Amino acid sequence: KISRTGTTNYADFARGRFAISRGDARNTRVLQMSNLQPEDTAT
């Protein structure tokens, strides 16, 4: 997420399943991932 504009960029595999948002505190980000699949296994 771009701080100044709020624009968000997603990888194709993330679009529709993952959502990034600002956290409650300043300079925090939350990544909500849904419908996870084995191919999402990663660091």
PDB file of all heavy atoms in Angstrom:
ATOM      1  N   LYS A   1       0.847  -1.190   0.000  1.00  0.00           N
ATOM      2  CA  LYS A   1       0.000   0.000   0.000  1.00  0.00           C
ATOM      3  C   LYS A   1       0.884   1.242   0.000  1.00  0.00           C
ATOM      4  O   LYS A   1       1.823   1.345   0.793  1.00  0.00           O
ATOM      5  CB  LYS A   1      -0.913  -0.010   1.226  1.00  0.00           C
ATOM      6  CG  LYS A   1      -1.886   1.163   1.281  1.00  0.00           C
ATOM      7  CD  LYS A   1      -2.793   1.079   2.490  1.00  0.00           C
ATOM      8  CE  LYS A   1      -3.911   0.076   2.304  1.00  0.00           C
ATOM      9  NZ  LYS A   1      -4.902   0.513   1.305  1.00  0.00           N
ATOM     10  N   ILE A   2       0.556   2.165  -0.897  1.00  0.00           N
ATOM     11  CA  ILE A   2       1.269   3.431  -0.985  1.00  0.00           C
ATOM     12  C   ILE A   2       0.713   4.366   0.093  1.00  0.00           C
ATOM     13  O   ILE A   2      -0.500   4.579   0.158  1.00  0.00           O
ATOM     14  CB  ILE A   2       1.097   4.070  -2.367  1.00  0.00           C
ATOM     15  CG1 ILE A   2       1.427   3.060  -3.471  1.00  0.00           C
ATOM     16  CG2 ILE A   2       1.961   5.325  -2.486  1.00  0.00           C
ATOM     17  CD1 ILE A   2       2.822   2.527  -3.432  1.00  0.00           C
ATOM     18  N   SER A   3       1.576   4.925   0.911  1.00  0.00           N
ATOM     19  CA  SER A   3       1.122   5.695   2.068  1.00  0.00           C
ATOM     20  C   SER A   3       0.368   6.958   1.667  1.00  0.00           C
ATOM     21  O   SER A   3      -0.713   7.233   2.191  1.00  0.00           O
ATOM     22  CB  SER A   3       2.314   6.070   2.945  1.00  0.00           C
ATOM     23  OG  SER A   3       2.964   4.927   3.426  1.00  0.00           O
ATOM     24  N   ARG A   4       0.917   7.720   0.723  1.00  0.00           N
ATOM     25  CA  ARG A   4       0.349   9.030   0.418  1.00  0.00           C
ATOM     26  C   ARG A   4      -1.011   8.916  -0.256  1.00  0.00           C
ATOM     27  O   ARG A   4      -1.934   9.658   0.060  1.00  0.00           O
ATOM     28  CB  ARG A   4       1.317   9.822  -0.461  1.00  0.00           C
ATOM     29  CG  ARG A   4       0.857  11.243  -0.760  1.00  0.00           C
ATOM     30  CD  ARG A   4       1.941  11.994  -1.560  1.00  0.00           C
ATOM     31  NE  ARG A   4       2.207  11.346  -2.833  1.00  0.00           N
ATOM     32  CZ  ARG A   4       1.496  11.567  -3.931  1.00  0.00           C
ATOM     33  NH1 ARG A   4       0.481  12.374  -3.911  1.00  0.00           N
ATOM     34  NH2 ARG A   4       1.814  10.947  -5.060  1.00  0.00           N
ATOM     35  N   THR A   5      -1.154   7.977  -1.177  1.00  0.00           N
ATOM     36  CA  THR A   5      -2.380   7.892  -1.968  1.00  0.00           C
ATOM     37  C   THR A   5      -3.335   6.811  -1.462  1.00  0.00           C
ATOM     38  O   THR A   5      -4.513   6.830  -1.810  1.00  0.00           O
ATOM     39  CB  THR A   5      -2.051   7.589  -3.431  1.00  0.00           C
ATOM     40  OG1 THR A   5      -1.415   6.291  -3.506  1.00  0.00           O
ATOM     41  CG2 THR A   5      -1.103   8.640  -3.992  1.00  0.00           C
ATOM     42  N   GLY A   6      -2.816   5.863  -0.707  1.00  0.00           N
ATOM     43  CA  GLY A   6      -3.649   4.744  -0.276  1.00  0.00           C
ATOM     44  C   GLY A   6      -3.798   3.676  -1.337  1.00  0.00           C
ATOM     45  O   GLY A   6      -4.497   2.677  -1.126  1.00  0.00           O
ATOM     46  N   THR A   7      -3.154   3.863  -2.483  1.00  0.00           N
ATOM     47  CA  THR A   7      -3.222   2.884  -3.572  1.00  0.00           C
ATOM     48  C   THR A   7      -2.622   1.565  -3.121  1.00  0.00           C
ATOM     49  O   THR A   7      -1.610   1.537  -2.416  1.00  0.00           O
ATOM     50  CB  THR A   7      -2.453   3.403  -4.783  1.00  0.00           C
ATOM     51  OG1 THR A   7      -3.003   4.653  -5.177  1.00  0.00           O
ATOM     52  CG2 THR A   7      -2.548   2.423  -5.938  1.00  0.00           C
ATOM     53  N   THR A   8      -3.257   0.485  -3.521  1.00  0.00           N
ATOM     54  CA  THR A   8      -2.791  -0.848  -3.163  1.00  0.00           C
ATOM     55  C   THR A   8      -2.475  -1.655  -4.411  1.00  0.00           C
ATOM     56  O   THR A   8      -3.249  -1.635  -5.370  1.00  0.00           O
ATOM     57  CB  THR A   8      -3.850  -1.585  -2.336  1.00  0.00           C
ATOM     58  OG1 THR A   8      -4.153  -0.834  -1.167  1.00  0.00           O
ATOM     59  CG2 THR A   8      -3.351  -2.946  -1.909  1.00  0.00           C
ATOM     60  N   ASN A   9      -1.344  -2.318  -4.405  1.00  0.00           N
ATOM     61  CA  ASN A   9      -0.951  -3.205  -5.493  1.00  0.00           C
ATOM     62  C   ASN A   9      -0.980  -4.646  -4.993  1.00  0.00           C
ATOM     63  O   ASN A   9      -0.428  -4.943  -3.929  1.00  0.00           O
ATOM     64  CB  ASN A   9       0.454  -2.865  -5.984  1.00  0.00           C
ATOM     65  CG  ASN A   9       0.537  -1.459  -6.547  1.00  0.00           C
ATOM     66  OD1 ASN A   9      -0.391  -0.987  -7.182  1.00  0.00           O
ATOM     67  ND2 ASN A   9       1.654  -0.793  -6.317  1.00  0.00           N
ATOM     68  N   TYR A  10      -1.602  -5.532  -5.764  1.00  0.00           N
ATOM     69  CA  TYR A  10      -1.673  -6.948  -5.416  1.00  0.00           C
ATOM     70  C   TYR A  10      -1.050  -7.792  -6.515  1.00  0.00           C
ATOM     71  O   TYR A  10      -1.190  -7.491  -7.704  1.00  0.00           O
ATOM     72  CB  TYR A  10      -3.121  -7.395  -5.252  1.00  0.00           C
ATOM     73  CG  TYR A  10      -3.816  -6.885  -4.019  1.00  0.00           C
ATOM     74  CD1 TYR A  10      -4.686  -5.800  -4.078  1.00  0.00           C
ATOM     75  CD2 TYR A  10      -3.615  -7.507  -2.785  1.00  0.00           C
ATOM     76  CE1 TYR A  10      -5.324  -5.344  -2.941  1.00  0.00           C
ATOM     77  CE2 TYR A  10      -4.258  -7.057  -1.645  1.00  0.00           C
ATOM     78  CZ  TYR A  10      -5.107  -5.975  -1.733  1.00  0.00           C
ATOM     79  OH  TYR A  10      -5.750  -5.516  -0.606  1.00  0.00           O
ATOM     80  N   ALA A  11      -0.392  -8.871  -6.111  1.00  0.00           N
ATOM     81  CA  ALA A  11       0.015  -9.876  -7.075  1.00  0.00           C
ATOM     82  C   ALA A  11      -1.239 -10.592  -7.573  1.00  0.00           C
ATOM     83  O   ALA A  11      -2.275 -10.618  -6.884  1.00  0.00           O
ATOM     84  CB  ALA A  11       0.963 -10.873  -6.417  1.00  0.00           C
ATOM     85  N   ASP A  12      -1.150 -11.173  -8.756  1.00  0.00           N
ATOM     86  CA  ASP A  12      -2.323 -11.844  -9.321  1.00  0.00           C
ATOM     87  C   ASP A  12      -2.837 -12.945  -8.397  1.00  0.00           C
ATOM     88  O   ASP A  12      -4.044 -13.117  -8.237  1.00  0.00           O
ATOM     89  CB  ASP A  12      -1.980 -12.433 -10.692  1.00  0.00           C
ATOM     90  CG  ASP A  12      -1.825 -11.353 -11.750  1.00  0.00           C
ATOM     91  OD1 ASP A  12      -2.293 -10.221 -11.525  1.00  0.00           O
ATOM     92  OD2 ASP A  12      -1.234 -11.645 -12.811  1.00  0.00           O
ATOM     93  N   PHE A  13      -1.940 -13.692  -7.768  1.00  0.00           N
ATOM     94  CA  PHE A  13      -2.375 -14.794  -6.919  1.00  0.00           C
ATOM     95  C   PHE A  13      -3.053 -14.306  -5.644  1.00  0.00           C
ATOM     96  O   PHE A  13      -3.793 -15.040  -4.994  1.00  0.00           O
ATOM     97  CB  PHE A  13      -1.192 -15.703  -6.545  1.00  0.00           C
ATOM     98  CG  PHE A  13      -0.148 -15.027  -5.703  1.00  0.00           C
ATOM     99  CD1 PHE A  13      -0.318 -14.874  -4.332  1.00  0.00           C
ATOM    100  CD2 PHE A  13       1.015 -14.548  -6.275  1.00  0.00           C
ATOM    101  CE1 PHE A  13       0.640 -14.251  -3.552  1.00  0.00           C
ATOM    102  CE2 PHE A  13       1.985 -13.918  -5.512  1.00  0.00           C
ATOM    103  CZ  PHE A  13       1.792 -13.768  -4.145  1.00  0.00           C
ATOM    104  N   ALA A  14      -2.802 -13.042  -5.273  1.00  0.00           N
ATOM    105  CA  ALA A  14      -3.355 -12.506  -4.031  1.00  0.00           C
ATOM    106  C   ALA A  14      -4.697 -11.806  -4.240  1.00  0.00           C
ATOM    107  O   ALA A  14      -5.511 -11.731  -3.308  1.00  0.00           O
ATOM    108  CB  ALA A  14      -2.366 -11.529  -3.413  1.00  0.00           C
ATOM    109  N   ARG A  15      -4.895 -11.329  -5.449  1.00  0.00           N
ATOM    110  CA  ARG A  15      -6.112 -10.546  -5.716  1.00  0.00           C
ATOM    111  C   ARG A  15      -7.360 -11.404  -5.480  1.00  0.00           C
ATOM    112  O   ARG A  15      -7.489 -12.497  -6.012  1.00  0.00           O
ATOM    113  CB  ARG A  15      -6.057 -10.014  -7.147  1.00  0.00           C
ATOM    114  CG  ARG A  15      -7.016  -8.877  -7.411  1.00  0.00           C
ATOM    115  CD  ARG A  15      -6.726  -8.221  -8.761  1.00  0.00           C
ATOM    116  NE  ARG A  15      -5.489  -7.459  -8.739  1.00  0.00           N
ATOM    117  CZ  ARG A  15      -4.408  -7.787  -9.435  1.00  0.00           C
ATOM    118  NH1 ARG A  15      -4.413  -8.865 -10.196  1.00  0.00           N
ATOM    119  NH2 ARG A  15      -3.325  -7.041  -9.375  1.00  0.00           N
ATOM    120  N   GLY A  16      -8.261 -10.891  -4.665  1.00  0.00           N
ATOM    121  CA  GLY A  16      -9.490 -11.619  -4.378  1.00  0.00           C
ATOM    122  C   GLY A  16      -9.419 -12.504  -3.148  1.00  0.00           C
ATOM    123  O   GLY A  16     -10.459 -12.893  -2.599  1.00  0.00           O
ATOM    124  N   ARG A  17      -8.213 -12.868  -2.712  1.00  0.00           N
ATOM    125  CA  ARG A  17      -8.079 -13.722  -1.527  1.00  0.00           C
ATOM    126  C   ARG A  17      -7.390 -13.000  -0.368  1.00  0.00           C
ATOM    127  O   ARG A  17      -7.655 -13.277   0.796  1.00  0.00           O
ATOM    128  CB  ARG A  17      -7.270 -14.983  -1.852  1.00  0.00           C
ATOM    129  CG  ARG A  17      -7.909 -15.907  -2.849  1.00  0.00           C
ATOM    130  CD  ARG A  17      -7.159 -17.234  -2.912  1.00  0.00           C
ATOM    131  NE  ARG A  17      -5.765 -17.032  -3.282  1.00  0.00           N
ATOM    132  CZ  ARG A  17      -4.738 -17.601  -2.653  1.00  0.00           C
ATOM    133  NH1 ARG A  17      -4.947 -18.371  -1.603  1.00  0.00           N
ATOM    134  NH2 ARG A  17      -3.506 -17.393  -3.081  1.00  0.00           N
ATOM    135  N   PHE A  18      -6.481 -12.093  -0.700  1.00  0.00           N
ATOM    136  CA  PHE A  18      -5.714 -11.381   0.317  1.00  0.00           C
ATOM    137  C   PHE A  18      -6.137  -9.909   0.320  1.00  0.00           C
ATOM    138  O   PHE A  18      -6.495  -9.350  -0.725  1.00  0.00           O
ATOM    139  CB  PHE A  18      -4.214 -11.450   0.035  1.00  0.00           C
ATOM    140  CG  PHE A  18      -3.619 -12.832   0.082  1.00  0.00           C
ATOM    141  CD1 PHE A  18      -2.272 -13.010  -0.168  1.00  0.00           C
ATOM    142  CD2 PHE A  18      -4.378 -13.952   0.376  1.00  0.00           C
ATOM    143  CE1 PHE A  18      -1.694 -14.268  -0.132  1.00  0.00           C
ATOM    144  CE2 PHE A  18      -3.820 -15.215   0.409  1.00  0.00           C
ATOM    145  CZ  PHE A  18      -2.474 -15.372   0.146  1.00  0.00           C
ATOM    146  N   ALA A  19      -6.077  -9.298   1.486  1.00  0.00           N
ATOM    147  CA  ALA A  19      -6.396  -7.878   1.600  1.00  0.00           C
ATOM    148  C   ALA A  19      -5.409  -7.220   2.547  1.00  0.00           C
ATOM    149  O   ALA A  19      -5.210  -7.694   3.673  1.00  0.00           O
ATOM    150  CB  ALA A  19      -7.812  -7.683   2.106  1.00  0.00           C
ATOM    151  N   ILE A  20      -4.812  -6.125   2.074  1.00  0.00           N
ATOM    152  CA  ILE A  20      -3.877  -5.385   2.914  1.00  0.00           C
ATOM    153  C   ILE A  20      -4.567  -4.107   3.381  1.00  0.00           C
ATOM    154  O   ILE A  20      -5.292  -3.462   2.611  1.00  0.00           O
ATOM    155  CB  ILE A  20      -2.560  -5.066   2.160  1.00  0.00           C
ATOM    156  CG1 ILE A  20      -1.539  -4.434   3.096  1.00  0.00           C
ATOM    157  CG2 ILE A  20      -2.817  -4.194   0.941  1.00  0.00           C
ATOM    158  CD1 ILE A  20      -0.154  -4.307   2.467  1.00  0.00           C
ATOM    159  N   SER A  21      -4.366  -3.756   4.611  1.00  0.00           N
ATOM    160  CA  SER A  21      -5.002  -2.562   5.156  1.00  0.00           C
ATOM    161  C   SER A  21      -4.083  -1.919   6.190  1.00  0.00           C
ATOM    162  O   SER A  21      -3.105  -2.524   6.642  1.00  0.00           O
ATOM    163  CB  SER A  21      -6.340  -2.915   5.801  1.00  0.00           C
ATOM    164  OG  SER A  21      -6.158  -3.824   6.870  1.00  0.00           O
ATOM    165  N   ARG A  22      -4.412  -0.699   6.523  1.00  0.00           N
ATOM    166  CA  ARG A  22      -3.663  -0.007   7.579  1.00  0.00           C
ATOM    167  C   ARG A  22      -4.084  -0.579   8.929  1.00  0.00           C
ATOM    168  O   ARG A  22      -5.258  -0.874   9.146  1.00  0.00           O
ATOM    169  CB  ARG A  22      -3.943   1.486   7.558  1.00  0.00           C
ATOM    170  CG  ARG A  22      -3.579   2.182   6.270  1.00  0.00           C
ATOM    171  CD  ARG A  22      -3.904   3.666   6.348  1.00  0.00           C
ATOM    172  NE  ARG A  22      -3.882   4.291   5.049  1.00  0.00           N
ATOM    173  CZ  ARG A  22      -2.805   4.812   4.501  1.00  0.00           C
ATOM    174  NH1 ARG A  22      -1.660   4.780   5.152  1.00  0.00           N
ATOM    175  NH2 ARG A  22      -2.858   5.380   3.312  1.00  0.00           N
ATOM    176  N   GLY A  23      -3.128  -0.702   9.834  1.00  0.00           N
ATOM    177  CA  GLY A  23      -3.458  -1.133  11.171  1.00  0.00           C
ATOM    178  C   GLY A  23      -3.970   0.026  12.007  1.00  0.00           C
ATOM    179  O   GLY A  23      -4.050   1.166  11.539  1.00  0.00           O
ATOM    180  N   ASP A  24      -4.319  -0.261  13.231  1.00  0.00           N
ATOM    181  CA  ASP A  24      -4.834   0.779  14.112  1.00  0.00           C
ATOM    182  C   ASP A  24      -3.758   1.807  14.463  1.00  0.00           C
ATOM    183  O   ASP A  24      -4.042   3.003  14.585  1.00  0.00           O
ATOM    184  CB  ASP A  24      -5.386   0.157  15.403  1.00  0.00           C
ATOM    185  CG  ASP A  24      -6.618  -0.669  15.136  1.00  0.00           C
ATOM    186  OD1 ASP A  24      -7.314  -0.394  14.127  1.00  0.00           O
ATOM    187  OD2 ASP A  24      -6.898  -1.596  15.920  1.00  0.00           O
ATOM    188  N   ALA A  25      -2.535   1.350  14.605  1.00  0.00           N
ATOM    189  CA  ALA A  25      -1.438   2.251  14.948  1.00  0.00           C
ATOM    190  C   ALA A  25      -0.803   2.798  13.679  1.00  0.00           C
ATOM    191  O   ALA A  25      -0.910   2.199  12.603  1.00  0.00           O
ATOM    192  CB  ALA A  25      -0.395   1.513  15.789  1.00  0.00           C
ATOM    193  N   ARG A  26      -0.147   3.926  13.801  1.00  0.00           N
ATOM    194  CA  ARG A  26       0.534   4.525  12.655  1.00  0.00           C
ATOM    195  C   ARG A  26       1.643   3.608  12.178  1.00  0.00           C
ATOM    196  O   ARG A  26       2.307   2.933  12.974  1.00  0.00           O
ATOM    197  CB  ARG A  26       1.103   5.885  13.070  1.00  0.00           C
ATOM    198  CG  ARG A  26       1.654   6.682  11.927  1.00  0.00           C
ATOM    199  CD  ARG A  26       2.180   8.016  12.390  1.00  0.00           C
ATOM    200  NE  ARG A  26       2.721   8.789  11.296  1.00  0.00           N
ATOM    201  CZ  ARG A  26       3.343   9.950  11.430  1.00  0.00           C
ATOM    202  NH1 ARG A  26       3.485  10.463  12.630  1.00  0.00           N
ATOM    203  NH2 ARG A  26       3.811  10.584  10.391  1.00  0.00           N
ATOM    204  N   ASN A  27       1.855   3.607  10.863  1.00  0.00           N
ATOM    205  CA  ASN A  27       2.919   2.791  10.264  1.00  0.00           C
ATOM    206  C   ASN A  27       2.777   1.306  10.575  1.00  0.00           C
ATOM    207  O   ASN A  27       3.763   0.614  10.875  1.00  0.00           O
ATOM    208  CB  ASN A  27       4.293   3.295  10.704  1.00  0.00           C
ATOM    209  CG  ASN A  27       4.621   4.652  10.101  1.00  0.00           C
ATOM    210  OD1 ASN A  27       4.297   4.915   8.946  1.00  0.00           O
ATOM    211  ND2 ASN A  27       5.252   5.505  10.881  1.00  0.00           N
ATOM    212  N   THR A  28       1.556   0.832  10.541  1.00  0.00           N
ATOM    213  CA  THR A  28       1.305  -0.599  10.640  1.00  0.00           C
ATOM    214  C   THR A  28       0.486  -1.049   9.440  1.00  0.00           C
ATOM    215  O   THR A  28      -0.290  -0.269   8.876  1.00  0.00           O
ATOM    216  CB  THR A  28       0.566  -0.983  11.936  1.00  0.00           C
ATOM    217  OG1 THR A  28      -0.725  -0.362  11.931  1.00  0.00           O
ATOM    218  CG2 THR A  28       1.339  -0.542  13.159  1.00  0.00           C
ATOM    219  N   ARG A  29       0.674  -2.290   9.056  1.00  0.00           N
ATOM    220  CA  ARG A  29      -0.090  -2.868   7.963  1.00  0.00           C
ATOM    221  C   ARG A  29      -0.546  -4.251   8.383  1.00  0.00           C
ATOM    222  O   ARG A  29       0.171  -4.978   9.082  1.00  0.00           O
ATOM    223  CB  ARG A  29       0.760  -2.995   6.697  1.00  0.00           C
ATOM    224  CG  ARG A  29       1.137  -1.694   6.061  1.00  0.00           C
ATOM    225  CD  ARG A  29      -0.025  -0.951   5.461  1.00  0.00           C
ATOM    226  NE  ARG A  29       0.428   0.266   4.790  1.00  0.00           N
ATOM    227  CZ  ARG A  29       0.559   1.434   5.376  1.00  0.00           C
ATOM    228  NH1 ARG A  29       0.245   1.557   6.666  1.00  0.00           N
ATOM    229  NH2 ARG A  29       0.972   2.482   4.695  1.00  0.00           N
ATOM    230  N   VAL A  30      -1.725  -4.606   7.940  1.00  0.00           N
ATOM    231  CA  VAL A  30      -2.291  -5.918   8.217  1.00  0.00           C
ATOM    232  C   VAL A  30      -2.561  -6.609   6.893  1.00  0.00           C
ATOM    233  O   VAL A  30      -3.094  -6.001   5.965  1.00  0.00           O
ATOM    234  CB  VAL A  30      -3.603  -5.791   9.020  1.00  0.00           C
ATOM    235  CG1 VAL A  30      -4.269  -7.147   9.157  1.00  0.00           C
ATOM    236  CG2 VAL A  30      -3.324  -5.174  10.388  1.00  0.00           C
ATOM    237  N   LEU A  31      -2.163  -7.854   6.791  1.00  0.00           N
ATOM    238  CA  LEU A  31      -2.452  -8.666   5.608  1.00  0.00           C
ATOM    239  C   LEU A  31      -3.417  -9.758   6.042  1.00  0.00           C
ATOM    240  O   LEU A  31      -3.060 -10.651   6.803  1.00  0.00           O
ATOM    241  CB  LEU A  31      -1.184  -9.276   5.028  1.00  0.00           C
ATOM    242  CG  LEU A  31      -1.385 -10.093   3.759  1.00  0.00           C
ATOM    243  CD1 LEU A  31      -1.801  -9.186   2.590  1.00  0.00           C
ATOM    244  CD2 LEU A  31      -0.108 -10.861   3.391  1.00  0.00           C
ATOM    245  N   GLN A  32      -4.641  -9.661   5.566  1.00  0.00           N
ATOM    246  CA  GLN A  32      -5.650 -10.671   5.845  1.00  0.00           C
ATOM    247  C   GLN A  32      -5.669 -11.639   4.677  1.00  0.00           C
ATOM    248  O   GLN A  32      -5.956 -11.245   3.548  1.00  0.00           O
ATOM    249  CB  GLN A  32      -7.027 -10.027   6.032  1.00  0.00           C
ATOM    250  CG  GLN A  32      -8.129 -11.014   6.342  1.00  0.00           C
ATOM    251  CD  GLN A  32      -7.962 -11.657   7.710  1.00  0.00           C
ATOM    252  OE1 GLN A  32      -7.664 -10.982   8.695  1.00  0.00           O
ATOM    253  NE2 GLN A  32      -8.141 -12.960   7.766  1.00  0.00           N
ATOM    254  N   MET A  33      -5.370 -12.912   4.950  1.00  0.00           N
ATOM    255  CA  MET A  33      -5.314 -13.918   3.900  1.00  0.00           C
ATOM    256  C   MET A  33      -6.446 -14.916   4.113  1.00  0.00           C
ATOM    257  O   MET A  33      -6.645 -15.405   5.231  1.00  0.00           O
ATOM    258  CB  MET A  33      -3.959 -14.643   3.941  1.00  0.00           C
ATOM    259  CG  MET A  33      -2.768 -13.702   3.808  1.00  0.00           C
ATOM    260  SD  MET A  33      -1.172 -14.558   3.758  1.00  0.00           S
ATOM    261  CE  MET A  33      -1.086 -15.193   5.431  1.00  0.00           C
ATOM    262  N   SER A  34      -7.167 -15.199   3.056  1.00  0.00           N
ATOM    263  CA  SER A  34      -8.268 -16.142   3.153  1.00  0.00           C
ATOM    264  C   SER A  34      -8.133 -17.215   2.093  1.00  0.00           C
ATOM    265  O   SER A  34      -7.407 -17.045   1.111  1.00  0.00           O
ATOM    266  CB  SER A  34      -9.607 -15.414   3.016  1.00  0.00           C
ATOM    267  OG  SER A  34      -9.703 -14.769   1.764  1.00  0.00           O
ATOM    268  N   ASN A  35      -8.835 -18.313   2.295  1.00  0.00           N
ATOM    269  CA  ASN A  35      -8.804 -19.439   1.366  1.00  0.00           C
ATOM    270  C   ASN A  35      -7.356 -19.823   1.022  1.00  0.00           C
ATOM    271  O   ASN A  35      -6.992 -19.984  -0.138  1.00  0.00           O
ATOM    272  CB  ASN A  35      -9.581 -19.120   0.086  1.00  0.00           C
ATOM    273  CG  ASN A  35      -9.799 -20.338  -0.785  1.00  0.00           C
ATOM    274  OD1 ASN A  35      -9.795 -21.469  -0.307  1.00  0.00           O
ATOM    275  ND2 ASN A  35      -9.978 -20.122  -2.076  1.00  0.00           N
ATOM    276  N   LEU A  36      -6.558 -19.985   2.038  1.00  0.00           N
ATOM    277  CA  LEU A  36      -5.154 -20.323   1.834  1.00  0.00           C
ATOM    278  C   LEU A  36      -5.015 -21.711   1.239  1.00  0.00           C
ATOM    279  O   LEU A  36      -5.794 -22.626   1.557  1.00  0.00           O
ATOM    280  CB  LEU A  36      -4.400 -20.227   3.152  1.00  0.00           C
ATOM    281  CG  LEU A  36      -4.122 -18.788   3.623  1.00  0.00           C
ATOM    282  CD1 LEU A  36      -3.770 -18.759   5.102  1.00  0.00           C
ATOM    283  CD2 LEU A  36      -3.002 -18.183   2.796  1.00  0.00           C
ATOM    284  N   GLN A  37      -4.021 -21.854   0.381  1.00  0.00           N
ATOM    285  CA  GLN A  37      -3.756 -23.120  -0.293  1.00  0.00           C
ATOM    286  C   GLN A  37      -2.314 -23.551  -0.027  1.00  0.00           C
ATOM    287  O   GLN A  37      -1.471 -22.710   0.331  1.00  0.00           O
ATOM    288  CB  GLN A  37      -4.012 -22.966  -1.782  1.00  0.00           C
ATOM    289  CG  GLN A  37      -5.442 -22.588  -2.134  1.00  0.00           C
ATOM    290  CD  GLN A  37      -6.459 -23.626  -1.658  1.00  0.00           C
ATOM    291  OE1 GLN A  37      -6.266 -24.838  -1.827  1.00  0.00           O
ATOM    292  NE2 GLN A  37      -7.548 -23.165  -1.035  1.00  0.00           N
ATOM    293  N   PRO A  38      -2.011 -24.824  -0.213  1.00  0.00           N
ATOM    294  CA  PRO A  38      -0.632 -25.286   0.035  1.00  0.00           C
ATOM    295  C   PRO A  38       0.415 -24.474  -0.729  1.00  0.00           C
ATOM    296  O   PRO A  38       1.525 -24.272  -0.221  1.00  0.00           O
ATOM    297  CB  PRO A  38      -0.668 -26.743  -0.428  1.00  0.00           C
ATOM    298  CG  PRO A  38      -2.085 -27.171  -0.176  1.00  0.00           C
ATOM    299  CD  PRO A  38      -2.912 -25.956  -0.488  1.00  0.00           C
ATOM    300  N   GLU A  39       0.080 -23.987  -1.907  1.00  0.00           N
ATOM    301  CA  GLU A  39       1.043 -23.202  -2.682  1.00  0.00           C
ATOM    302  C   GLU A  39       1.308 -21.830  -2.068  1.00  0.00           C
ATOM    303  O   GLU A  39       2.208 -21.117  -2.509  1.00  0.00           O
ATOM    304  CB  GLU A  39       0.590 -23.044  -4.137  1.00  0.00           C
ATOM    305  CG  GLU A  39      -0.810 -22.490  -4.298  1.00  0.00           C
ATOM    306  CD  GLU A  39      -1.848 -23.595  -4.453  1.00  0.00           C
ATOM    307  OE1 GLU A  39      -1.681 -24.688  -3.850  1.00  0.00           O
ATOM    308  OE2 GLU A  39      -2.843 -23.355  -5.172  1.00  0.00           O
ATOM    309  N   ASP A  40       0.531 -21.450  -1.063  1.00  0.00           N
ATOM    310  CA  ASP A  40       0.795 -20.209  -0.346  1.00  0.00           C
ATOM    311  C   ASP A  40       1.840 -20.389   0.752  1.00  0.00           C
ATOM    312  O   ASP A  40       2.234 -19.414   1.403  1.00  0.00           O
ATOM    313  CB  ASP A  40      -0.499 -19.667   0.282  1.00  0.00           C
ATOM    314  CG  ASP A  40      -1.525 -19.256  -0.757  1.00  0.00           C
ATOM    315  OD1 ASP A  40      -1.129 -18.590  -1.734  1.00  0.00           O
ATOM    316  OD2 ASP A  40      -2.711 -19.604  -0.597  1.00  0.00           O
ATOM    317  N   THR A  41       2.265 -21.616   0.962  1.00  0.00           N
ATOM    318  CA  THR A  41       3.291 -21.875   1.964  1.00  0.00           C
ATOM    319  C   THR A  41       4.571 -21.145   1.603  1.00  0.00           C
ATOM    320  O   THR A  41       5.105 -21.304   0.502  1.00  0.00           O
ATOM    321  CB  THR A  41       3.568 -23.388   2.075  1.00  0.00           C
ATOM    322  OG1 THR A  41       2.394 -24.045   2.572  1.00  0.00           O
ATOM    323  CG2 THR A  41       4.740 -23.664   3.010  1.00  0.00           C
ATOM    324  N   ALA A  42       5.056 -20.316   2.516  1.00  0.00           N
ATOM    325  CA  ALA A  42       6.243 -19.497   2.267  1.00  0.00           C
ATOM    326  C   ALA A  42       6.584 -18.720   3.536  1.00  0.00           C
ATOM    327  O   ALA A  42       5.793 -18.685   4.487  1.00  0.00           O
ATOM    328  CB  ALA A  42       5.993 -18.514   1.127  1.00  0.00           C
ATOM    329  N   THR A  43       7.751 -18.123   3.500  1.00  0.00           N
ATOM    330  CA  THR A  43       8.082 -17.130   4.517  1.00  0.00           C
ATOM    331  C   THR A  43       7.614 -15.774   4.004  1.00  0.00           C
ATOM    332  O   THR A  43       7.972 -15.387   2.890  1.00  0.00           O
ATOM    333  CB  THR A  43       9.585 -17.104   4.808  1.00  0.00           C
ATOM    334  OG1 THR A  43       9.986 -18.384   5.310  1.00  0.00           O
ATOM    335  CG2 THR A  43       9.915 -16.043   5.858  1.00  0.00           C
TER     336      THR A  43
END
